[in-house]
Amino acid sequence: MLWLFDMRTLILLIPALLFAMYAQYRVHSAYAKYARVATRRGITAAAAAERLLERAGVSGVRIEAIGRTLGDHYDPRSRTLRLSRPNSPAIADVGVAAHEAGHAIQHAQGYAPLVLRSAVVPVASIGSQLAFPLFFTGLLFAYMGSQLGITLLYAGIALFVGVVLFTLATLPVEFDASRRAIRALSQTGLVTQEELGAVKEVLFAAALTYVAAAAMAIVQLLRLLLIASAVSGRRR
């Protein structure tokens, strides 16, 4: 029975799911730990981001507050850097702001992996919305004996490949932004060497969440391929 096979493929997701849970725990734990510790120089997250952007010769980037903890991000469309706690002098917030400033600098300099990720965004967006509906509709038609079902199965998989590519393209972009942040904070002296270690801890924990997302997407793709293969074999 295919449903028994599908239950076995669900086991593939368990390690990736556990890793994702661990990554979320690490990032929230590291952030909570250093969100209560102010930098010795007392510079705020917004001021640190402005300093790093100015140092890199990047202008025209707005800095706004966003009311969501760890919702910090850089929007390349509007050239806006959104920080959850822009007025905070905490080590965690300064580190996250420096990371997001790194993304703004990547954008200004035309960093190739960021350009690639931006190009994949439309495909990934469509895939995230349609891949699973198409796949499960394909399963239904396949059980009804229609060849259309097989076509829909692999169409859903093809769309999900776009999601996987996006998660993979995200990794070098995020790692590079963290490297830029750590290097710039060190060179400018905005944080001490001891505080820099804390920044590294926060940004490493955040990076784990992107690795976990990529791992989950890859394993999910493998699962879809195994199910589609089993359905195709059943029809022969």
Protein backbone atom coordinates (compact mmCIF):
# COMPACT_ATOMS: atom_id res chain seq x y z
CA MET A 1 0.00 0.00 0.00
CA LEU A 2 1.34 3.42 -0.98
CA TRP A 3 0.22 5.03 2.26
CA LEU A 4 2.50 2.65 4.18
CA PHE A 5 5.34 3.63 1.86
CA ASP A 6 4.53 7.29 2.49
CA MET A 7 4.70 6.70 6.25
CA ARG A 8 8.18 5.27 5.76
CA THR A 9 9.27 8.31 3.77
CA LEU A 10 8.09 10.53 6.62
CA ILE A 11 10.90 9.04 8.68
CA LEU A 12 13.32 10.83 6.35
CA LEU A 13 12.02 14.15 7.67
CA ILE A 14 12.69 13.41 11.34
CA PRO A 15 16.45 14.21 11.43
CA ALA A 16 15.92 17.42 9.43
CA LEU A 17 13.00 18.40 11.66
CA LEU A 18 15.04 17.81 14.81
CA PHE A 19 17.89 19.86 13.35
CA ALA A 20 15.46 22.68 12.54
CA MET A 21 14.13 22.62 16.10
CA TYR A 22 17.67 22.70 17.48
CA ALA A 23 18.58 25.62 15.20
CA GLN A 24 15.55 27.59 16.37
CA TYR A 25 16.45 26.88 19.98
CA ARG A 26 20.04 28.01 19.42
CA VAL A 27 19.12 31.30 17.75
CA HIS A 28 16.48 32.23 20.33
CA SER A 29 18.76 31.19 23.20
CA ALA A 30 21.76 33.13 21.88
CA TYR A 31 19.67 36.20 21.10
CA ALA A 32 17.96 36.19 24.51
CA LYS A 33 21.33 35.83 26.23
CA TYR A 34 22.95 38.83 24.54
CA ALA A 35 19.84 40.99 24.12
CA ARG A 36 20.30 41.87 27.79
CA VAL A 37 23.98 42.83 27.53
CA ALA A 38 24.85 46.30 26.21
CA THR A 39 27.99 46.98 24.21
CA ARG A 40 30.69 48.79 26.13
CA ARG A 41 30.58 51.74 23.72
CA GLY A 42 26.80 51.95 24.02
CA ILE A 43 26.22 52.32 20.29
CA THR A 44 22.69 51.48 19.16
CA ALA A 45 21.80 48.93 16.47
CA ALA A 46 20.65 51.64 14.06
CA ALA A 47 23.76 53.75 14.64
CA ALA A 48 26.00 50.73 14.09
CA ALA A 49 24.25 49.92 10.81
CA GLU A 50 24.57 53.55 9.67
CA ARG A 51 28.28 53.54 10.54
CA LEU A 52 28.97 50.36 8.58
CA LEU A 53 26.98 51.54 5.55
CA GLU A 54 28.81 54.87 5.56
CA ARG A 55 32.16 53.10 5.90
CA ALA A 56 31.33 50.95 2.84
CA GLY A 57 30.29 54.02 0.84
CA VAL A 58 26.65 52.93 0.65
CA SER A 59 24.06 55.70 0.78
CA GLY A 60 20.32 55.96 0.27
CA VAL A 61 19.42 53.09 2.63
CA ARG A 62 16.60 53.86 5.04
CA ILE A 63 16.49 52.32 8.51
CA GLU A 64 13.06 51.57 9.97
CA ALA A 65 11.71 49.80 13.04
CA ILE A 66 9.76 46.57 12.61
CA GLY A 67 7.60 45.29 15.42
CA ARG A 68 8.69 41.66 15.37
CA THR A 69 11.54 40.19 17.39
CA LEU A 70 14.17 38.66 15.09
CA GLY A 71 12.20 39.99 12.13
CA ASP A 72 15.18 42.11 11.09
CA HIS A 73 15.79 42.14 7.34
CA TYR A 74 16.98 44.20 4.39
CA ASP A 75 14.48 44.89 1.61
CA PRO A 76 16.39 45.44 -1.65
CA ARG A 77 13.28 46.66 -3.49
CA SER A 78 12.85 49.72 -1.31
CA ARG A 79 16.44 49.80 -0.06
CA THR A 80 15.17 49.67 3.50
CA LEU A 81 16.87 48.07 6.47
CA ARG A 82 14.26 47.05 9.05
CA LEU A 83 15.36 46.42 12.62
CA SER A 84 13.29 45.01 15.47
CA ARG A 85 15.13 47.09 18.10
CA PRO A 86 16.94 49.93 16.32
CA ASN A 87 17.50 51.93 19.52
CA SER A 88 18.93 49.02 21.48
CA PRO A 89 22.64 49.03 22.43
CA ALA A 90 22.54 45.28 23.16
CA ILE A 91 25.26 43.11 21.65
CA ALA A 92 22.69 40.85 19.96
CA ASP A 93 20.88 43.75 18.30
CA VAL A 94 24.08 45.44 17.15
CA GLY A 95 25.29 42.14 15.67
CA VAL A 96 22.02 41.51 13.83
CA ALA A 97 21.96 45.10 12.55
CA ALA A 98 25.52 44.71 11.26
CA HIS A 99 24.49 41.51 9.50
CA GLU A 100 21.57 43.24 7.78
CA ALA A 101 23.85 46.14 6.84
CA GLY A 102 26.00 43.46 5.23
CA HIS A 103 23.06 42.57 2.98
CA ALA A 104 22.62 46.22 2.00
CA ILE A 105 26.29 46.38 1.10
CA GLN A 106 25.99 43.17 -0.92
CA HIS A 107 23.10 44.72 -2.83
CA ALA A 108 24.97 47.95 -3.50
CA GLN A 109 28.02 46.06 -4.74
CA GLY A 110 26.07 43.61 -6.89
CA TYR A 111 27.24 40.56 -4.92
CA ALA A 112 26.76 37.66 -7.36
CA PRO A 113 25.13 35.09 -5.01
CA LEU A 114 22.60 37.75 -3.94
CA VAL A 115 21.81 38.50 -7.59
CA LEU A 116 21.34 34.76 -8.18
CA ARG A 117 19.06 34.39 -5.17
CA SER A 118 16.97 37.36 -6.31
CA ALA A 119 16.59 35.74 -9.72
CA VAL A 120 15.30 32.53 -8.10
CA VAL A 121 12.76 34.33 -5.89
CA PRO A 122 9.86 34.36 -8.42
CA VAL A 123 10.25 30.64 -9.13
CA ALA A 124 10.55 29.82 -5.43
CA SER A 125 7.47 31.93 -4.64
CA ILE A 126 5.37 30.08 -7.20
CA GLY A 127 6.79 26.75 -6.07
CA SER A 128 6.03 27.35 -2.40
CA GLN A 129 2.38 28.04 -3.28
CA LEU A 130 1.69 25.48 -6.01
CA ALA A 131 4.14 22.58 -5.61
CA PHE A 132 2.23 20.62 -2.97
CA PRO A 133 -1.28 21.30 -4.33
CA LEU A 134 -0.12 20.06 -7.74
CA PHE A 135 1.64 17.05 -6.24
CA PHE A 136 -1.31 15.89 -4.15
CA THR A 137 -3.75 16.55 -7.00
CA GLY A 138 -1.46 14.35 -9.08
CA LEU A 139 -1.69 11.61 -6.46
CA LEU A 140 -5.48 11.75 -6.63
CA PHE A 141 -5.56 11.51 -10.43
CA ALA A 142 -2.95 8.74 -10.42
CA TYR A 143 -5.12 6.63 -8.10
CA MET A 144 -7.98 7.18 -10.53
CA GLY A 145 -5.81 5.66 -13.23
CA SER A 146 -5.16 8.86 -15.16
CA GLN A 147 -1.80 9.52 -16.78
CA LEU A 148 -2.43 13.18 -15.99
CA GLY A 149 -1.73 12.32 -12.37
CA ILE A 150 1.88 11.36 -13.14
CA THR A 151 2.34 14.56 -15.11
CA LEU A 152 1.01 16.64 -12.22
CA LEU A 153 3.20 14.78 -9.73
CA TYR A 154 6.38 15.67 -11.58
CA ALA A 155 5.15 19.19 -12.31
CA GLY A 156 4.78 19.71 -8.56
CA ILE A 157 8.25 18.31 -8.00
CA ALA A 158 9.70 20.59 -10.68
CA LEU A 159 8.20 23.62 -8.93
CA PHE A 160 9.52 22.46 -5.57
CA VAL A 161 13.02 22.30 -7.06
CA GLY A 162 12.79 26.10 -7.27
CA VAL A 163 12.21 26.22 -3.51
CA VAL A 164 15.23 24.00 -2.90
CA LEU A 165 17.40 26.15 -5.15
CA PHE A 166 16.33 29.25 -3.22
CA THR A 167 17.30 27.73 0.14
CA LEU A 168 20.68 26.70 -1.28
CA ALA A 169 21.30 30.10 -2.88
CA THR A 170 20.50 31.71 0.46
CA LEU A 171 23.39 30.01 2.28
CA PRO A 172 26.36 31.87 0.74
CA VAL A 173 24.43 35.15 0.96
CA GLU A 174 23.81 34.75 4.68
CA PHE A 175 27.31 33.48 5.48
CA ASP A 176 28.90 36.34 3.59
CA ALA A 177 26.73 38.95 5.32
CA SER A 178 27.83 37.58 8.70
CA ARG A 179 31.50 37.61 7.66
CA ARG A 180 31.14 41.22 6.53
CA ALA A 181 29.45 42.15 9.82
CA ILE A 182 32.08 40.53 12.01
CA ARG A 183 34.98 41.99 10.03
CA ALA A 184 33.49 45.49 9.95
CA LEU A 185 32.60 45.52 13.66
CA SER A 186 36.13 44.43 14.48
CA GLN A 187 37.84 46.94 12.20
CA THR A 188 35.72 49.87 13.35
CA GLY A 189 36.07 49.02 17.03
CA LEU A 190 32.33 49.36 17.57
CA VAL A 191 32.51 46.28 19.79
CA THR A 192 35.33 44.87 21.89
CA GLN A 193 37.00 41.55 21.06
CA GLU A 194 35.07 39.92 23.89
CA GLU A 195 31.80 41.32 22.54
CA LEU A 196 32.79 40.20 19.05
CA GLY A 197 32.78 36.63 20.32
CA ALA A 198 29.19 37.12 21.46
CA VAL A 199 28.25 38.58 18.06
CA LYS A 200 29.75 35.51 16.38
CA GLU A 201 27.71 33.25 18.64
CA VAL A 202 24.46 35.03 17.72
CA LEU A 203 25.18 35.10 13.98
CA PHE A 204 26.35 31.47 13.92
CA ALA A 205 23.11 30.42 15.60
CA ALA A 206 21.14 32.42 13.03
CA ALA A 207 23.10 30.77 10.20
CA LEU A 208 22.09 27.35 11.51
CA THR A 209 18.45 28.17 10.78
CA TYR A 210 19.27 28.67 7.08
CA VAL A 211 21.24 25.42 6.96
CA ALA A 212 18.29 23.65 8.60
CA ALA A 213 15.86 25.13 6.06
CA ALA A 214 18.04 23.90 3.19
CA ALA A 215 18.33 20.44 4.75
CA MET A 216 14.57 20.24 5.25
CA ALA A 217 13.89 21.29 1.65
CA ILE A 218 16.35 18.74 0.24
CA VAL A 219 14.91 15.90 2.31
CA GLN A 220 11.37 16.92 1.37
CA LEU A 221 12.34 16.87 -2.31
CA LEU A 222 13.80 13.38 -1.89
CA ARG A 223 10.57 12.27 -0.24
CA LEU A 224 8.46 13.62 -3.11
CA LEU A 225 10.69 11.86 -5.64
CA LEU A 226 10.38 8.55 -3.79
CA ILE A 227 6.59 8.82 -3.65
CA ALA A 228 6.36 9.78 -7.33
CA SER A 229 8.61 6.87 -8.26
CA ALA A 230 6.45 4.45 -6.27
CA VAL A 231 3.28 5.76 -7.91
CA SER A 232 4.83 5.52 -11.39
CA GLY A 233 5.98 1.95 -10.68
CA ARG A 234 2.52 0.99 -9.47
CA ARG A 235 1.03 2.04 -12.81
CA ARG A 236 3.38 -0.08 -14.88
